[in-house]
């Protein structure tokens, strides 16, 4: 099952750990780390979910093209 679905997006909550998010179906397509923050993207340019982590906790998440 792909990660980039409305159902999976609706499961995301502030404060979730990276391991909790990555336990949802599918691995991130890209992750970058800078100065204690991690930004991971699941999906393609036209349809994706982006999750930003600070100290391994979700602080911001957004989506593009999910209805």
Protein backbone atom coordinates (compact mmCIF):
# COMPACT_ATOMS: atom_id res chain seq x y z
CA UNK A 1 0.00 0.00 0.00
CA UNK A 2 1.44 3.40 -0.90
CA UNK A 3 2.09 5.99 1.79
CA UNK A 4 0.69 8.95 -0.16
CA UNK A 5 -3.00 8.60 0.69
CA UNK A 6 -5.49 10.80 2.52
CA UNK A 7 -5.91 8.03 5.09
CA UNK A 8 -2.20 8.02 5.97
CA UNK A 9 -2.03 11.84 5.94
CA UNK A 10 -4.94 11.97 8.38
CA UNK A 11 -3.00 9.67 10.76
CA UNK A 12 -0.12 12.16 11.09
CA UNK A 13 -0.02 14.09 14.37
CA UNK A 14 2.29 16.70 15.82
CA UNK A 15 4.92 15.11 18.07
CA UNK A 16 4.96 11.71 16.34
CA UNK A 17 8.42 10.18 16.28
CA UNK A 18 10.14 9.37 12.98
CA UNK A 19 9.80 5.65 13.75
CA UNK A 20 6.01 6.04 14.14
CA UNK A 21 5.67 7.87 10.83
CA UNK A 22 7.95 5.46 8.98
CA UNK A 23 5.92 2.54 10.40
CA UNK A 24 3.05 3.64 8.13
CA UNK A 25 3.20 1.83 4.74
CA UNK A 26 6.03 2.90 2.47
CA UNK A 27 9.50 4.37 2.92
CA UNK A 28 10.26 8.04 2.24
CA UNK A 29 11.51 8.82 -1.25
CA UNK A 30 13.96 11.40 0.10
CA UNK A 31 15.17 12.65 3.47
CA UNK A 32 17.56 15.48 4.19
CA UNK A 33 19.11 16.35 7.54
CA UNK A 34 20.42 19.75 8.59
CA UNK A 35 21.37 21.00 12.05
CA UNK A 36 19.18 18.59 14.03
CA UNK A 37 16.21 18.70 11.68
CA UNK A 38 15.08 16.08 9.20
CA UNK A 39 12.74 16.65 6.25
CA UNK A 40 11.28 13.61 4.48
CA UNK A 41 9.16 13.47 1.36
CA UNK A 42 6.96 10.57 0.27
CA UNK A 43 5.73 10.67 -3.32
CA UNK A 44 6.37 12.70 -6.46
CA UNK A 45 6.37 16.41 -7.26
CA UNK A 46 2.65 16.53 -8.12
CA UNK A 47 1.43 14.33 -5.23
CA UNK A 48 3.38 14.05 -2.00
CA UNK A 49 3.49 14.21 1.77
CA UNK A 50 6.27 16.15 3.47
CA UNK A 51 7.08 15.67 7.15
CA UNK A 52 9.60 17.77 9.07
CA UNK A 53 11.14 16.46 12.28
CA UNK A 54 12.98 18.28 15.04
CA UNK A 55 14.76 16.08 17.60
CA UNK A 56 13.02 13.08 15.98
CA UNK A 57 9.52 14.53 16.58
CA UNK A 58 7.07 15.71 13.91
CA UNK A 59 6.81 19.51 13.97
CA UNK A 60 5.32 20.26 10.54
CA UNK A 61 3.62 18.17 7.89
CA UNK A 62 1.93 19.07 4.62
CA UNK A 63 0.67 17.51 1.43
CA UNK A 64 0.33 18.35 -2.22
CA UNK A 65 -2.27 16.80 -4.54
CA UNK A 66 -4.05 14.67 -1.94
CA UNK A 67 -7.83 14.95 -1.82
